[in-house]
Amino acid sequence: HAMIAAGALRHGLRAVVLPDSLALSPAESAKIRQFRARGGL
């Protein structure tokens, strides 16, 4: 969780899998939306 909130999705990843990911913080959700907006899967 901390890695995603800190911006790990910006470092060379093209896709992210959320397996039964029931809990997310607002910071994580924002980073995931930004990742999707940049073309990430």
Full PDB file with SEQRES, HELIX, SHEET, SSBOND, CRYST1, ORIGX, SCALE, CONECT and MASTER records, all heavy atoms in Angstrom:
SEQRES   1 A   41  HIS ALA MET ILE ALA ALA GLY ALA LEU ARG HIS GLY LEU          
SEQRES   2 A   41  ARG ALA VAL VAL LEU PRO ASP SER LEU ALA LEU SER PRO          
SEQRES   3 A   41  ALA GLU SER ALA LYS ILE ARG GLN PHE ARG ALA ARG GLY          
SEQRES   4 A   41  GLY LEU                                                      
HELIX    1 AA1 ALA A    2  ALA A    5  1                                   4    
HELIX    2 AA2 ALA A    8  ARG A   10  5                                   3    
HELIX    3 AA3 PRO A   26  ALA A   37  1                                  12    
CRYST1    1.000    1.000    1.000  90.00  90.00  90.00 P 1           1          
ORIGX1      1.000000  0.000000  0.000000        0.00000                         
ORIGX2      0.000000  1.000000  0.000000        0.00000                         
ORIGX3      0.000000  0.000000  1.000000        0.00000                         
SCALE1      1.000000  0.000000  0.000000        0.00000                         
SCALE2      0.000000  1.000000  0.000000        0.00000                         
SCALE3      0.000000  0.000000  1.000000        0.00000                         
ATOM      1  N   HIS A   1       0.835  -1.203   0.000  1.00  0.00           N  
ATOM      2  CA  HIS A   1       0.000   0.000   0.000  1.00  0.00           C  
ATOM      3  C   HIS A   1       0.871   1.256   0.000  1.00  0.00           C  
ATOM      4  O   HIS A   1       0.614   2.208  -0.751  1.00  0.00           O  
ATOM      5  CB  HIS A   1      -0.915   0.004   1.224  1.00  0.00           C  
ATOM      6  CG  HIS A   1      -2.032  -0.987   1.157  1.00  0.00           C  
ATOM      7  ND1 HIS A   1      -3.129  -0.810   0.336  1.00  0.00           N  
ATOM      8  CD2 HIS A   1      -2.227  -2.161   1.805  1.00  0.00           C  
ATOM      9  CE1 HIS A   1      -3.956  -1.840   0.490  1.00  0.00           C  
ATOM     10  NE2 HIS A   1      -3.429  -2.667   1.367  1.00  0.00           N  
ATOM     11  N   ALA A   2       1.891   1.258   0.853  1.00  0.00           N  
ATOM     12  CA  ALA A   2       2.746   2.441   0.981  1.00  0.00           C  
ATOM     13  C   ALA A   2       3.491   2.721  -0.320  1.00  0.00           C  
ATOM     14  O   ALA A   2       3.692   3.879  -0.696  1.00  0.00           O  
ATOM     15  CB  ALA A   2       3.736   2.257   2.129  1.00  0.00           C  
ATOM     16  N   MET A   3       3.907   1.670  -1.013  1.00  0.00           N  
ATOM     17  CA  MET A   3       4.631   1.854  -2.273  1.00  0.00           C  
ATOM     18  C   MET A   3       3.743   2.495  -3.335  1.00  0.00           C  
ATOM     19  O   MET A   3       4.177   3.387  -4.073  1.00  0.00           O  
ATOM     20  CB  MET A   3       5.186   0.511  -2.749  1.00  0.00           C  
ATOM     21  CG  MET A   3       6.304  -0.045  -1.875  1.00  0.00           C  
ATOM     22  SD  MET A   3       6.667  -1.796  -2.200  1.00  0.00           S  
ATOM     23  CE  MET A   3       7.371  -1.688  -3.851  1.00  0.00           C  
ATOM     24  N   ILE A   4       2.495   2.055  -3.419  1.00  0.00           N  
ATOM     25  CA  ILE A   4       1.579   2.652  -4.393  1.00  0.00           C  
ATOM     26  C   ILE A   4       1.298   4.105  -4.033  1.00  0.00           C  
ATOM     27  O   ILE A   4       1.345   4.993  -4.896  1.00  0.00           O  
ATOM     28  CB  ILE A   4       0.271   1.843  -4.476  1.00  0.00           C  
ATOM     29  CG1 ILE A   4       0.532   0.496  -5.160  1.00  0.00           C  
ATOM     30  CG2 ILE A   4      -0.800   2.625  -5.235  1.00  0.00           C  
ATOM     31  CD1 ILE A   4      -0.697  -0.372  -5.308  1.00  0.00           C  
ATOM     32  N   ALA A   5       1.030   4.364  -2.743  1.00  0.00           N  
ATOM     33  CA  ALA A   5       0.752   5.741  -2.319  1.00  0.00           C  
ATOM     34  C   ALA A   5       1.943   6.655  -2.574  1.00  0.00           C  
ATOM     35  O   ALA A   5       1.777   7.855  -2.827  1.00  0.00           O  
ATOM     36  CB  ALA A   5       0.367   5.758  -0.842  1.00  0.00           C  
ATOM     37  N   ALA A   6       3.160   6.098  -2.538  1.00  0.00           N  
ATOM     38  CA  ALA A   6       4.376   6.896  -2.742  1.00  0.00           C  
ATOM     39  C   ALA A   6       4.723   7.078  -4.217  1.00  0.00           C  
ATOM     40  O   ALA A   6       5.699   7.754  -4.543  1.00  0.00           O  
ATOM     41  CB  ALA A   6       5.549   6.265  -2.009  1.00  0.00           C  
ATOM     42  N   GLY A   7       3.963   6.438  -5.116  1.00  0.00           N  
ATOM     43  CA  GLY A   7       4.195   6.667  -6.532  1.00  0.00           C  
ATOM     44  C   GLY A   7       4.863   5.541  -7.284  1.00  0.00           C  
ATOM     45  O   GLY A   7       5.391   5.758  -8.380  1.00  0.00           O  
ATOM     46  N   ALA A   8       4.830   4.302  -6.751  1.00  0.00           N  
ATOM     47  CA  ALA A   8       5.513   3.183  -7.405  1.00  0.00           C  
ATOM     48  C   ALA A   8       4.948   2.874  -8.794  1.00  0.00           C  
ATOM     49  O   ALA A   8       5.645   2.289  -9.632  1.00  0.00           O  
ATOM     50  CB  ALA A   8       5.431   1.929  -6.527  1.00  0.00           C  
ATOM     51  N   LEU A   9       3.706   3.251  -9.055  1.00  0.00           N  
ATOM     52  CA  LEU A   9       3.106   2.946 -10.356  1.00  0.00           C  
ATOM     53  C   LEU A   9       3.691   3.775 -11.490  1.00  0.00           C  
ATOM     54  O   LEU A   9       3.397   3.535 -12.657  1.00  0.00           O  
ATOM     55  CB  LEU A   9       1.585   3.167 -10.295  1.00  0.00           C  
ATOM     56  CG  LEU A   9       0.820   2.290  -9.308  1.00  0.00           C  
ATOM     57  CD1 LEU A   9      -0.670   2.571  -9.402  1.00  0.00           C  
ATOM     58  CD2 LEU A   9       1.098   0.810  -9.534  1.00  0.00           C  
ATOM     59  N   ARG A  10       4.528   4.741 -11.164  1.00  0.00           N  
ATOM     60  CA  ARG A  10       5.152   5.574 -12.191  1.00  0.00           C  
ATOM     61  C   ARG A  10       6.460   4.981 -12.699  1.00  0.00           C  
ATOM     62  O   ARG A  10       7.072   5.534 -13.626  1.00  0.00           O  
ATOM     63  CB  ARG A  10       5.422   6.981 -11.640  1.00  0.00           C  
ATOM     64  CG  ARG A  10       4.193   7.754 -11.226  1.00  0.00           C  
ATOM     65  CD  ARG A  10       4.531   9.201 -10.949  1.00  0.00           C  
ATOM     66  NE  ARG A  10       4.982   9.880 -12.161  1.00  0.00           N  
ATOM     67  CZ  ARG A  10       4.176  10.509 -13.016  1.00  0.00           C  
ATOM     68  NH1 ARG A  10       2.875  10.553 -12.775  1.00  0.00           N  
ATOM     69  NH2 ARG A  10       4.656  11.101 -14.091  1.00  0.00           N  
ATOM     70  N   HIS A  11       6.929   3.881 -12.115  1.00  0.00           N  
ATOM     71  CA  HIS A  11       8.272   3.397 -12.400  1.00  0.00           C  
ATOM     72  C   HIS A  11       8.254   2.155 -13.277  1.00  0.00           C  
ATOM     73  O   HIS A  11       8.500   1.035 -12.819  1.00  0.00           O  
ATOM     74  CB  HIS A  11       9.021   3.127 -11.089  1.00  0.00           C  
ATOM     75  CG  HIS A  11       9.105   4.317 -10.185  1.00  0.00           C  
ATOM     76  ND1 HIS A  11       9.652   5.518 -10.576  1.00  0.00           N  
ATOM     77  CD2 HIS A  11       8.678   4.498  -8.913  1.00  0.00           C  
ATOM     78  CE1 HIS A  11       9.580   6.387  -9.576  1.00  0.00           C  
ATOM     79  NE2 HIS A  11       8.988   5.799  -8.569  1.00  0.00           N  
ATOM     80  N   GLY A  12       7.946   2.331 -14.553  1.00  0.00           N  
ATOM     81  CA  GLY A  12       8.105   1.261 -15.519  1.00  0.00           C  
ATOM     82  C   GLY A  12       6.999   0.235 -15.569  1.00  0.00           C  
ATOM     83  O   GLY A  12       7.097  -0.740 -16.330  1.00  0.00           O  
ATOM     84  N   LEU A  13       5.941   0.392 -14.809  1.00  0.00           N  
ATOM     85  CA  LEU A  13       4.862  -0.584 -14.824  1.00  0.00           C  
ATOM     86  C   LEU A  13       3.858  -0.254 -15.922  1.00  0.00           C  
ATOM     87  O   LEU A  13       3.534   0.914 -16.160  1.00  0.00           O  
ATOM     88  CB  LEU A  13       4.145  -0.617 -13.474  1.00  0.00           C  
ATOM     89  CG  LEU A  13       4.943  -1.181 -12.299  1.00  0.00           C  
ATOM     90  CD1 LEU A  13       4.126  -1.098 -11.018  1.00  0.00           C  
ATOM     91  CD2 LEU A  13       5.358  -2.622 -12.552  1.00  0.00           C  
ATOM     92  N   ARG A  14       3.362  -1.298 -16.558  1.00  0.00           N  
ATOM     93  CA  ARG A  14       2.340  -1.129 -17.597  1.00  0.00           C  
ATOM     94  C   ARG A  14       0.981  -1.615 -17.129  1.00  0.00           C  
ATOM     95  O   ARG A  14      -0.044  -1.287 -17.740  1.00  0.00           O  
ATOM     96  CB  ARG A  14       2.763  -1.868 -18.862  1.00  0.00           C  
ATOM     97  CG  ARG A  14       4.029  -1.295 -19.495  1.00  0.00           C  
ATOM     98  CD  ARG A  14       4.543  -2.175 -20.618  1.00  0.00           C  
ATOM     99  NE  ARG A  14       3.544  -2.377 -21.653  1.00  0.00           N  
ATOM    100  CZ  ARG A  14       3.683  -3.262 -22.645  1.00  0.00           C  
ATOM    101  NH1 ARG A  14       4.782  -4.012 -22.714  1.00  0.00           N  
ATOM    102  NH2 ARG A  14       2.749  -3.393 -23.555  1.00  0.00           N  
ATOM    103  N   ALA A  15       0.969  -2.437 -16.075  1.00  0.00           N  
ATOM    104  CA  ALA A  15      -0.297  -2.954 -15.548  1.00  0.00           C  
ATOM    105  C   ALA A  15      -0.148  -3.188 -14.052  1.00  0.00           C  
ATOM    106  O   ALA A  15       0.956  -3.436 -13.560  1.00  0.00           O  
ATOM    107  CB  ALA A  15      -0.690  -4.245 -16.257  1.00  0.00           C  
ATOM    108  N   VAL A  16      -1.269  -3.117 -13.345  1.00  0.00           N  
ATOM    109  CA  VAL A  16      -1.286  -3.433 -11.921  1.00  0.00           C  
ATOM    110  C   VAL A  16      -2.493  -4.312 -11.636  1.00  0.00           C  
ATOM    111  O   VAL A  16      -3.580  -4.097 -12.187  1.00  0.00           O  
ATOM    112  CB  VAL A  16      -1.318  -2.149 -11.052  1.00  0.00           C  
ATOM    113  CG1 VAL A  16      -2.586  -1.331 -11.304  1.00  0.00           C  
ATOM    114  CG2 VAL A  16      -1.208  -2.490  -9.567  1.00  0.00           C  
ATOM    115  N   VAL A  17      -2.275  -5.352 -10.826  1.00  0.00           N  
ATOM    116  CA  VAL A  17      -3.327  -6.296 -10.463  1.00  0.00           C  
ATOM    117  C   VAL A  17      -3.730  -6.033  -9.017  1.00  0.00           C  
ATOM    118  O   VAL A  17      -2.862  -5.937  -8.137  1.00  0.00           O  
ATOM    119  CB  VAL A  17      -2.856  -7.752 -10.628  1.00  0.00           C  
ATOM    120  CG1 VAL A  17      -3.994  -8.719 -10.316  1.00  0.00           C  
ATOM    121  CG2 VAL A  17      -2.321  -7.991 -12.033  1.00  0.00           C  
ATOM    122  N   LEU A  18      -5.038  -5.943  -8.774  1.00  0.00           N  
ATOM    123  CA  LEU A  18      -5.573  -5.716  -7.427  1.00  0.00           C  
ATOM    124  C   LEU A  18      -6.349  -6.960  -7.012  1.00  0.00           C  
ATOM    125  O   LEU A  18      -7.573  -7.039  -7.185  1.00  0.00           O  
ATOM    126  CB  LEU A  18      -6.482  -4.480  -7.419  1.00  0.00           C  
ATOM    127  CG  LEU A  18      -5.877  -3.188  -7.978  1.00  0.00           C  
ATOM    128  CD1 LEU A  18      -6.924  -2.078  -8.001  1.00  0.00           C  
ATOM    129  CD2 LEU A  18      -4.664  -2.768  -7.155  1.00  0.00           C  
ATOM    130  N   PRO A  19      -5.674  -7.985  -6.457  1.00  0.00           N  
ATOM    131  CA  PRO A  19      -6.347  -9.240  -6.131  1.00  0.00           C  
ATOM    132  C   PRO A  19      -7.142  -9.146  -4.824  1.00  0.00           C  
ATOM    133  O   PRO A  19      -6.574  -9.025  -3.750  1.00  0.00           O  
ATOM    134  CB  PRO A  19      -5.194 -10.238  -6.013  1.00  0.00           C  
ATOM    135  CG  PRO A  19      -4.005  -9.408  -5.633  1.00  0.00           C  
ATOM    136  CD  PRO A  19      -4.236  -8.030  -6.191  1.00  0.00           C  
ATOM    137  N   ASP A  20      -8.464  -9.172  -4.939  1.00  0.00           N  
ATOM    138  CA  ASP A  20      -9.351  -9.085  -3.769  1.00  0.00           C  
ATOM    139  C   ASP A  20      -8.928  -7.924  -2.867  1.00  0.00           C  
ATOM    140  O   ASP A  20      -8.871  -8.052  -1.639  1.00  0.00           O  
ATOM    141  CB  ASP A  20      -9.349 -10.397  -2.980  1.00  0.00           C  
ATOM    142  CG  ASP A  20     -10.561 -10.529  -2.060  1.00  0.00           C  
ATOM    143  OD1 ASP A  20     -11.654 -10.131  -2.475  1.00  0.00           O  
ATOM    144  OD2 ASP A  20     -10.387 -11.009  -0.925  1.00  0.00           O  
ATOM    145  N   SER A  21      -8.637  -6.798  -3.471  1.00  0.00           N  
ATOM    146  CA  SER A  21      -8.085  -5.642  -2.746  1.00  0.00           C  
ATOM    147  C   SER A  21      -9.220  -4.823  -2.138  1.00  0.00           C  
ATOM    148  O   SER A  21      -9.654  -3.809  -2.694  1.00  0.00           O  
ATOM    149  CB  SER A  21      -7.224  -4.791  -3.681  1.00  0.00           C  
ATOM    150  OG  SER A  21      -6.154  -5.561  -4.191  1.00  0.00           O  
ATOM    151  N   LEU A  22      -9.702  -5.275  -0.999  1.00  0.00           N  
ATOM    152  CA  LEU A  22     -10.865  -4.658  -0.361  1.00  0.00           C  
ATOM    153  C   LEU A  22     -10.556  -3.284   0.198  1.00  0.00           C  
ATOM    154  O   LEU A  22     -11.435  -2.429   0.263  1.00  0.00           O  
ATOM    155  CB  LEU A  22     -11.376  -5.566   0.765  1.00  0.00           C  
ATOM    156  CG  LEU A  22     -11.797  -6.990   0.372  1.00  0.00           C  
ATOM    157  CD1 LEU A  22     -12.258  -7.749   1.611  1.00  0.00           C  
ATOM    158  CD2 LEU A  22     -12.882  -6.964  -0.679  1.00  0.00           C  
ATOM    159  N   ALA A  23      -9.314  -3.060   0.642  1.00  0.00           N  
ATOM    160  CA  ALA A  23      -8.955  -1.818   1.329  1.00  0.00           C  
ATOM    161  C   ALA A  23      -8.005  -0.985   0.485  1.00  0.00           C  
ATOM    162  O   ALA A  23      -6.982  -1.487   0.016  1.00  0.00           O  
ATOM    163  CB  ALA A  23      -8.303  -2.134   2.679  1.00  0.00           C  
ATOM    164  N   LEU A  24      -8.352   0.284   0.291  1.00  0.00           N  
ATOM    165  CA  LEU A  24      -7.482   1.227  -0.399  1.00  0.00           C  
ATOM    166  C   LEU A  24      -7.609   2.589   0.276  1.00  0.00           C  
ATOM    167  O   LEU A  24      -8.697   2.980   0.684  1.00  0.00           O  
ATOM    168  CB  LEU A  24      -7.853   1.368  -1.875  1.00  0.00           C  
ATOM    169  CG  LEU A  24      -7.594   0.184  -2.806  1.00  0.00           C  
ATOM    170  CD1 LEU A  24      -8.194   0.470  -4.185  1.00  0.00           C  
ATOM    171  CD2 LEU A  24      -6.110  -0.107  -2.917  1.00  0.00           C  
ATOM    172  N   SER A  25      -6.514   3.297   0.362  1.00  0.00           N  
ATOM    173  CA  SER A  25      -6.536   4.652   0.910  1.00  0.00           C  
ATOM    174  C   SER A  25      -6.875   5.642  -0.204  1.00  0.00           C  
ATOM    175  O   SER A  25      -6.726   5.336  -1.392  1.00  0.00           O  
ATOM    176  CB  SER A  25      -5.180   5.003   1.510  1.00  0.00           C  
ATOM    177  OG  SER A  25      -4.217   5.171   0.476  1.00  0.00           O  
ATOM    178  N   PRO A  26      -7.310   6.859   0.149  1.00  0.00           N  
ATOM    179  CA  PRO A  26      -7.531   7.885  -0.883  1.00  0.00           C  
ATOM    180  C   PRO A  26      -6.283   8.145  -1.711  1.00  0.00           C  
ATOM    181  O   PRO A  26      -6.379   8.347  -2.932  1.00  0.00           O  
ATOM    182  CB  PRO A  26      -7.941   9.115  -0.057  1.00  0.00           C  
ATOM    183  CG  PRO A  26      -8.530   8.556   1.194  1.00  0.00           C  
ATOM    184  CD  PRO A  26      -7.735   7.322   1.484  1.00  0.00           C  
ATOM    185  N   ALA A  27      -5.111   8.139  -1.070  1.00  0.00           N  
ATOM    186  CA  ALA A  27      -3.865   8.378  -1.809  1.00  0.00           C  
ATOM    187  C   ALA A  27      -3.617   7.273  -2.832  1.00  0.00           C  
ATOM    188  O   ALA A  27      -3.217   7.537  -3.970  1.00  0.00           O  
ATOM    189  CB  ALA A  27      -2.691   8.488  -0.842  1.00  0.00           C  
ATOM    190  N   GLU A  28      -3.850   6.010  -2.437  1.00  0.00           N  
ATOM    191  CA  GLU A  28      -3.676   4.903  -3.382  1.00  0.00           C  
ATOM    192  C   GLU A  28      -4.667   5.004  -4.538  1.00  0.00           C  
ATOM    193  O   GLU A  28      -4.300   4.815  -5.708  1.00  0.00           O  
ATOM    194  CB  GLU A  28      -3.896   3.574  -2.670  1.00  0.00           C  
ATOM    195  CG  GLU A  28      -2.816   3.173  -1.703  1.00  0.00           C  
ATOM    196  CD  GLU A  28      -3.229   1.916  -0.974  1.00  0.00           C  
ATOM    197  OE1 GLU A  28      -3.883   2.012   0.078  1.00  0.00           O  
ATOM    198  OE2 GLU A  28      -2.906   0.825  -1.477  1.00  0.00           O  
ATOM    199  N   SER A  29      -5.919   5.270  -4.201  1.00  0.00           N  
ATOM    200  CA  SER A  29      -6.940   5.361  -5.241  1.00  0.00           C  
ATOM    201  C   SER A  29      -6.584   6.441  -6.255  1.00  0.00           C  
ATOM    202  O   SER A  29      -6.738   6.250  -7.469  1.00  0.00           O  
ATOM    203  CB  SER A  29      -8.300   5.658  -4.604  1.00  0.00           C  
ATOM    204  OG  SER A  29      -8.682   4.609  -3.732  1.00  0.00           O  
ATOM    205  N   ALA A  30      -6.091   7.575  -5.765  1.00  0.00           N  
ATOM    206  CA  ALA A  30      -5.706   8.664  -6.663  1.00  0.00           C  
ATOM    207  C   ALA A  30      -4.559   8.245  -7.573  1.00  0.00           C  
ATOM    208  O   ALA A  30      -4.564   8.533  -8.784  1.00  0.00           O  
ATOM    209  CB  ALA A  30      -5.323   9.893  -5.849  1.00  0.00           C  
ATOM    210  N   LYS A  31      -3.560   7.547  -7.005  1.00  0.00           N  
ATOM    211  CA  LYS A  31      -2.421   7.099  -7.810  1.00  0.00           C  
ATOM    212  C   LYS A  31      -2.851   6.075  -8.855  1.00  0.00           C  
ATOM    213  O   LYS A  31      -2.333   6.065  -9.985  1.00  0.00           O  
ATOM    214  CB  LYS A  31      -1.343   6.498  -6.902  1.00  0.00           C  
ATOM    215  CG  LYS A  31      -0.713   7.482  -5.922  1.00  0.00           C  
ATOM    216  CD  LYS A  31       0.067   8.570  -6.624  1.00  0.00           C  
ATOM    217  CE  LYS A  31       0.775   9.457  -5.613  1.00  0.00           C  
ATOM    218  NZ  LYS A  31       1.497  10.574  -6.270  1.00  0.00           N  
ATOM    219  N   ILE A  32      -3.787   5.217  -8.500  1.00  0.00           N  
ATOM    220  CA  ILE A  32      -4.264   4.207  -9.452  1.00  0.00           C  
ATOM    221  C   ILE A  32      -5.047   4.883 -10.579  1.00  0.00           C  
ATOM    222  O   ILE A  32      -4.906   4.524 -11.753  1.00  0.00           O  
ATOM    223  CB  ILE A  32      -5.125   3.151  -8.727  1.00  0.00           C  
ATOM    224  CG1 ILE A  32      -4.244   2.324  -7.772  1.00  0.00           C  
ATOM    225  CG2 ILE A  32      -5.819   2.232  -9.724  1.00  0.00           C  
ATOM    226  CD1 ILE A  32      -5.024   1.430  -6.823  1.00  0.00           C  
ATOM    227  N   ARG A  33      -5.868   5.881 -10.244  1.00  0.00           N  
ATOM    228  CA  ARG A  33      -6.597   6.619 -11.287  1.00  0.00           C  
ATOM    229  C   ARG A  33      -5.630   7.349 -12.220  1.00  0.00           C  
ATOM    230  O   ARG A  33      -5.820   7.374 -13.447  1.00  0.00           O  
ATOM    231  CB  ARG A  33      -7.556   7.626 -10.641  1.00  0.00           C  
ATOM    232  CG  ARG A  33      -8.741   7.002  -9.934  1.00  0.00           C  
ATOM    233  CD  ARG A  33      -9.785   8.055  -9.576  1.00  0.00           C  
ATOM    234  NE  ARG A  33     -10.791   7.501  -8.683  1.00  0.00           N  
ATOM    235  CZ  ARG A  33     -10.772   7.646  -7.363  1.00  0.00           C  
ATOM    236  NH1 ARG A  33      -9.813   8.329  -6.777  1.00  0.00           N  
ATOM    237  NH2 ARG A  33     -11.729   7.113  -6.632  1.00  0.00           N  
ATOM    238  N   GLN A  34      -4.588   7.945 -11.649  1.00  0.00           N  
ATOM    239  CA  GLN A  34      -3.591   8.629 -12.472  1.00  0.00           C  
ATOM    240  C   GLN A  34      -2.866   7.639 -13.386  1.00  0.00           C  
ATOM    241  O   GLN A  34      -2.593   7.937 -14.562  1.00  0.00           O  
ATOM    242  CB  GLN A  34      -2.591   9.363 -11.576  1.00  0.00           C  
ATOM    243  CG  GLN A  34      -3.185  10.525 -10.800  1.00  0.00           C  
ATOM    244  CD  GLN A  34      -2.270  11.014  -9.701  1.00  0.00           C  
ATOM    245  OE1 GLN A  34      -1.095  10.626  -9.618  1.00  0.00           O  
ATOM    246  NE2 GLN A  34      -2.798  11.855  -8.811  1.00  0.00           N  
ATOM    247  N   PHE A  35      -2.557   6.470 -12.856  1.00  0.00           N  
ATOM    248  CA  PHE A  35      -1.906   5.421 -13.645  1.00  0.00           C  
ATOM    249  C   PHE A  35      -2.792   5.022 -14.817  1.00  0.00           C  
ATOM    250  O   PHE A  35      -2.331   4.876 -15.958  1.00  0.00           O  
ATOM    251  CB  PHE A  35      -1.624   4.229 -12.729  1.00  0.00           C  
ATOM    252  CG  PHE A  35      -1.072   3.011 -13.410  1.00  0.00           C  
ATOM    253  CD1 PHE A  35       0.235   2.985 -13.856  1.00  0.00           C  
ATOM    254  CD2 PHE A  35      -1.861   1.881 -13.590  1.00  0.00           C  
ATOM    255  CE1 PHE A  35       0.756   1.850 -14.474  1.00  0.00           C  
ATOM    256  CE2 PHE A  35      -1.361   0.754 -14.205  1.00  0.00           C  
ATOM    257  CZ  PHE A  35      -0.046   0.743 -14.648  1.00  0.00           C  
ATOM    258  N   ARG A  36      -4.080   4.856 -14.567  1.00  0.00           N  
ATOM    259  CA  ARG A  36      -5.021   4.488 -15.622  1.00  0.00           C  
ATOM    260  C   ARG A  36      -5.128   5.607 -16.660  1.00  0.00           C  
ATOM    261  O   ARG A  36      -5.181   5.344 -17.871  1.00  0.00           O  
ATOM    262  CB  ARG A  36      -6.397   4.205 -15.007  1.00  0.00           C  
ATOM    263  CG  ARG A  36      -7.460   3.848 -16.026  1.00  0.00           C  
ATOM    264  CD  ARG A  36      -7.184   2.496 -16.648  1.00  0.00           C  
ATOM    265  NE  ARG A  36      -8.117   2.229 -17.740  1.00  0.00           N  
ATOM    266  CZ  ARG A  36      -7.909   2.547 -19.009  1.00  0.00           C  
ATOM    267  NH1 ARG A  36      -6.800   3.159 -19.370  1.00  0.00           N  
ATOM    268  NH2 ARG A  36      -8.792   2.256 -19.926  1.00  0.00           N  
ATOM    269  N   ALA A  37      -5.130   6.859 -16.194  1.00  0.00           N  
ATOM    270  CA  ALA A  37      -5.233   7.991 -17.113  1.00  0.00           C  
ATOM    271  C   ALA A  37      -4.013   8.082 -18.028  1.00  0.00           C  
ATOM    272  O   ALA A  37      -4.119   8.583 -19.156  1.00  0.00           O  
ATOM    273  CB  ALA A  37      -5.401   9.284 -16.324  1.00  0.00           C  
ATOM    274  N   ARG A  38      -2.863   7.591 -17.571  1.00  0.00           N  
ATOM    275  CA  ARG A  38      -1.650   7.613 -18.398  1.00  0.00           C  
ATOM    276  C   ARG A  38      -1.601   6.434 -19.365  1.00  0.00           C  
ATOM    277  O   ARG A  38      -0.629   6.264 -20.097  1.00  0.00           O  
ATOM    278  CB  ARG A  38      -0.402   7.583 -17.511  1.00  0.00           C  
ATOM    279  CG  ARG A  38      -0.199   8.820 -16.653  1.00  0.00           C  
ATOM    280  CD  ARG A  38       1.200   8.837 -16.041  1.00  0.00           C  
ATOM    281  NE  ARG A  38       1.465   7.673 -15.223  1.00  0.00           N  
ATOM    282  CZ  ARG A  38       1.209   7.584 -13.913  1.00  0.00           C  
ATOM    283  NH1 ARG A  38       0.663   8.625 -13.283  1.00  0.00           N  
ATOM    284  NH2 ARG A  38       1.509   6.497 -13.238  1.00  0.00           N  
ATOM    285  N   GLY A  39      -2.625   5.579 -19.342  1.00  0.00           N  
ATOM    286  CA  GLY A  39      -2.660   4.440 -20.252  1.00  0.00           C  
ATOM    287  C   GLY A  39      -2.345   3.115 -19.589  1.00  0.00           C  
ATOM    288  O   GLY A  39      -2.294   2.088 -20.265  1.00  0.00           O  
ATOM    289  N   GLY A  40      -2.122   3.105 -18.274  1.00  0.00           N  
ATOM    290  CA  GLY A  40      -1.848   1.857 -17.572  1.00  0.00           C  
ATOM    291  C   GLY A  40      -3.091   0.989 -17.485  1.00  0.00           C  
ATOM    292  O   GLY A  40      -4.225   1.479 -17.495  1.00  0.00           O  
ATOM    293  N   LEU A  41      -2.882  -0.314 -17.387  1.00  0.00           N  
ATOM    294  CA  LEU A  41      -3.975  -1.283 -17.293  1.00  0.00           C  
ATOM    295  C   LEU A  41      -4.175  -1.663 -15.824  1.00  0.00           C  
ATOM    296  O   LEU A  41      -3.212  -2.023 -15.137  1.00  0.00           O  
ATOM    297  CB  LEU A  41      -3.646  -2.521 -18.117  1.00  0.00           C  
ATOM    298  CG  LEU A  41      -4.685  -3.651 -18.138  1.00  0.00           C  
ATOM    299  CD1 LEU A  41      -5.970  -3.191 -18.805  1.00  0.00           C  
ATOM    300  CD2 LEU A  41      -4.113  -4.865 -18.857  1.00  0.00           C  
TER     301      LEU A  41                                                      
MASTER        0    0    0    3    0    0    0    6  300    1    0    4          
END                                                                             
